[in-house]
């Protein structure tokens, strides 16, 4: 009698184990584990950071290099260097790549009107419009085909300056295995 009870309990535990394994297999078949994502870097969080090349406006002129860096004290501010206007500050409006340029004076004392800075991460293209107000509803509206805008307070026309630049992407250095020499 004891042997029968022990065999019945053993059969019950084996059935439960098989059932648990089949449940685990069905769950594993339905859901796949994905690899861990890469660490979030400053460049991924703020894709606008980096160096850009503005094409020359006329033949024979040199291309401008524009550098965008993050403000060390405030992550919502970037600094743009290399434009004819001088070093200017832009404020993050819509993450990750819409920035508002407020009216400001450069270190050299040059006055810069309000503007818009947009970066397209898919195309690696930077667009800057200086002299046209930032539109919260549609930041791309600053890049319409109009060349002047009218200020509602002073009724004077301000010239809008547009810049379009391509991001300079550093290529990873790959060492050629055939170029190494061995000591013999």
Protein backbone atom coordinates (compact mmCIF):
# COMPACT_ATOMS: atom_id res chain seq x y z
CA UNK A 1 0.00 0.00 0.00
CA UNK A 2 2.81 2.39 0.89
CA UNK A 3 4.49 1.63 -2.43
CA UNK A 4 1.30 2.44 -4.34
CA UNK A 5 0.90 5.77 -2.56
CA UNK A 6 4.56 6.64 -3.18
CA UNK A 7 4.25 5.72 -6.85
CA UNK A 8 1.09 7.81 -7.17
CA UNK A 9 2.82 10.82 -5.54
CA UNK A 10 5.89 10.36 -7.75
CA UNK A 11 3.67 10.24 -10.86
CA UNK A 12 1.85 13.38 -9.69
CA UNK A 13 5.11 15.32 -9.19
CA UNK A 14 6.48 14.21 -12.59
CA UNK A 15 3.26 15.31 -14.27
CA UNK A 16 3.49 18.71 -12.55
CA UNK A 17 7.13 19.06 -13.63
CA UNK A 18 6.34 18.23 -17.25
CA UNK A 19 3.39 20.66 -17.19
CA UNK A 20 5.60 23.45 -15.77
CA UNK A 21 8.24 22.84 -18.43
CA UNK A 22 5.69 22.95 -21.26
CA UNK A 23 4.31 26.23 -19.85
CA UNK A 24 7.81 27.71 -19.75
CA UNK A 25 8.43 26.56 -23.33
CA UNK A 26 5.18 28.09 -24.56
CA UNK A 27 6.03 31.40 -22.87
CA UNK A 28 9.56 31.35 -24.33
CA UNK A 29 8.13 30.66 -27.78
CA UNK A 30 5.75 33.60 -27.53
CA UNK A 31 8.15 36.18 -26.06
CA UNK A 32 11.72 36.62 -27.21
CA UNK A 33 14.32 38.39 -25.13
CA UNK A 34 15.93 41.30 -26.91
CA UNK A 35 19.54 42.30 -26.38
CA UNK A 36 20.19 45.14 -23.98
CA UNK A 37 20.23 48.54 -25.70
CA UNK A 38 23.46 50.48 -25.86
CA UNK A 39 24.17 53.02 -23.16
CA UNK A 40 22.53 56.41 -23.65
CA UNK A 41 25.29 58.87 -24.53
CA UNK A 42 25.20 62.67 -24.70
CA UNK A 43 25.36 62.44 -28.51
CA UNK A 44 22.27 60.22 -28.60
CA UNK A 45 20.33 62.42 -26.18
CA UNK A 46 21.34 65.62 -28.02
CA UNK A 47 21.94 64.66 -31.67
CA UNK A 48 22.47 68.32 -32.69
CA UNK A 49 25.89 68.37 -31.01
CA UNK A 50 28.88 68.17 -33.32
CA UNK A 51 30.62 69.83 -36.24
CA UNK A 52 28.87 70.98 -39.41
CA UNK A 53 30.02 72.12 -42.85
CA UNK A 54 28.21 75.04 -44.48
CA UNK A 55 28.71 75.10 -48.24
CA UNK A 56 30.35 78.27 -49.59
CA UNK A 57 27.93 80.91 -50.87
CA UNK A 58 30.03 81.75 -53.93
CA UNK A 59 32.59 79.95 -56.06
CA UNK A 60 36.09 80.22 -54.67
CA UNK A 61 34.91 80.99 -51.14
CA UNK A 62 35.83 78.67 -48.30
CA UNK A 63 33.23 76.54 -46.58
CA UNK A 64 32.34 77.52 -43.03
CA UNK A 65 32.74 75.09 -40.15
CA UNK A 66 30.12 75.40 -37.42
CA UNK A 67 30.51 73.73 -34.04
CA UNK A 68 27.63 73.10 -31.66
CA UNK A 69 28.40 72.32 -28.03
CA UNK A 70 26.31 71.73 -24.94
CA UNK A 71 26.30 74.32 -22.16
CA UNK A 72 28.13 72.79 -19.18
CA UNK A 73 25.68 74.21 -16.63
CA UNK A 74 22.32 73.80 -18.42
CA UNK A 75 21.51 70.85 -20.70
CA UNK A 76 18.73 72.85 -22.38
CA UNK A 77 21.20 75.34 -23.90
CA UNK A 78 23.57 74.87 -26.82
CA UNK A 79 26.31 77.18 -28.12
CA UNK A 80 26.74 77.69 -31.86
CA UNK A 81 30.18 78.85 -33.03
CA UNK A 82 31.44 79.56 -36.53
CA UNK A 83 28.64 81.64 -38.05
CA UNK A 84 29.34 85.13 -39.42
CA UNK A 85 27.22 86.56 -36.59
CA UNK A 86 29.57 85.11 -33.96
CA UNK A 87 29.02 82.75 -31.06
CA UNK A 88 25.34 82.50 -30.15
CA UNK A 89 23.14 80.68 -27.66
CA UNK A 90 20.04 78.58 -28.48
CA UNK A 91 17.44 77.11 -26.13
CA UNK A 92 15.88 73.64 -26.49
CA UNK A 93 12.16 73.92 -27.31
CA UNK A 94 11.19 70.48 -28.61
CA UNK A 95 13.42 67.48 -28.03
CA UNK A 96 15.60 66.35 -29.58
CA UNK A 97 16.38 68.96 -32.21
CA UNK A 98 14.27 72.15 -32.21
CA UNK A 99 15.96 75.18 -30.68
CA UNK A 100 14.96 78.82 -30.26
CA UNK A 101 17.56 81.53 -30.71
CA UNK A 102 16.61 84.52 -28.54
CA UNK A 103 17.67 88.07 -29.38
CA UNK A 104 21.15 88.49 -27.94
CA UNK A 105 24.49 90.22 -28.21
CA UNK A 106 27.61 88.26 -29.04
CA UNK A 107 30.89 88.59 -27.13
CA UNK A 108 32.01 91.02 -29.85
CA UNK A 109 28.95 93.22 -29.18
CA UNK A 110 27.08 92.30 -32.39
CA UNK A 111 23.29 92.19 -32.00
CA UNK A 112 21.57 88.99 -33.20
CA UNK A 113 17.78 88.89 -33.72
CA UNK A 114 15.53 86.00 -32.71
CA UNK A 115 15.73 82.85 -34.79
CA UNK A 116 15.21 79.12 -35.15
CA UNK A 117 17.63 76.19 -35.27
CA UNK A 118 16.45 72.75 -36.44
CA UNK A 119 18.39 69.53 -36.86
CA UNK A 120 17.13 66.55 -38.85
CA UNK A 121 18.83 63.43 -37.41
CA UNK A 122 17.65 61.23 -40.28
CA UNK A 123 19.37 63.40 -42.91
CA UNK A 124 22.12 64.88 -40.68
CA UNK A 125 21.14 68.38 -41.85
CA UNK A 126 21.18 71.53 -39.72
CA UNK A 127 18.99 74.52 -40.63
CA UNK A 128 19.32 77.94 -39.02
CA UNK A 129 17.09 80.97 -39.65
CA UNK A 130 18.25 84.17 -37.95
CA UNK A 131 15.79 87.06 -38.05
CA UNK A 132 12.56 85.07 -38.07
CA UNK A 133 10.66 84.35 -34.85
CA UNK A 134 10.34 80.82 -33.48
CA UNK A 135 6.89 79.28 -34.02
CA UNK A 136 5.93 76.92 -31.18
CA UNK A 137 3.19 75.21 -33.20
CA UNK A 138 5.37 74.60 -36.28
CA UNK A 139 9.12 75.29 -35.93
CA UNK A 140 9.67 74.45 -39.62
CA UNK A 141 7.57 77.49 -40.58
CA UNK A 142 10.69 79.64 -40.10
CA UNK A 143 12.15 78.03 -43.22
CA UNK A 144 9.40 79.08 -45.63
CA UNK A 145 10.44 80.84 -48.85
CA UNK A 146 9.94 84.39 -47.58
CA UNK A 147 13.11 86.43 -47.36
CA UNK A 148 11.94 89.22 -45.04
CA UNK A 149 9.66 89.44 -42.06
CA UNK A 150 7.85 92.41 -40.59
CA UNK A 151 8.05 93.22 -36.92
CA UNK A 152 4.63 94.06 -35.47
CA UNK A 153 6.07 96.64 -33.06
CA UNK A 154 8.37 98.68 -35.28
CA UNK A 155 6.91 98.06 -38.76
CA UNK A 156 10.45 97.72 -40.06
CA UNK A 157 11.72 94.86 -42.19
CA UNK A 158 14.49 92.65 -40.93
CA UNK A 159 16.51 90.50 -43.24
CA UNK A 160 16.37 86.80 -42.51
CA UNK A 161 19.62 84.86 -42.86
CA UNK A 162 19.33 81.16 -43.63
CA UNK A 163 22.06 78.60 -43.12
CA UNK A 164 21.98 74.96 -44.14
CA UNK A 165 24.80 72.67 -43.08
CA UNK A 166 25.70 69.00 -43.25
CA UNK A 167 26.99 67.20 -40.18
CA UNK A 168 30.60 66.06 -40.34
CA UNK A 169 30.53 62.47 -39.16
CA UNK A 170 33.84 61.06 -37.99
CA UNK A 171 34.50 57.70 -39.59
CA UNK A 172 35.82 55.01 -37.25
CA UNK A 173 39.45 54.17 -37.77
CA UNK A 174 39.88 50.61 -39.00
CA UNK A 175 43.34 49.13 -38.92
CA UNK A 176 44.38 47.03 -41.88
CA UNK A 177 45.58 43.62 -40.72
CA UNK A 178 47.84 43.21 -43.77
CA UNK A 179 49.80 46.38 -43.02
CA UNK A 180 51.23 45.10 -39.73
CA UNK A 181 54.71 43.68 -39.84
CA UNK A 182 55.94 40.82 -37.75
CA UNK A 183 59.37 40.32 -36.27
CA UNK A 184 61.13 37.19 -37.45
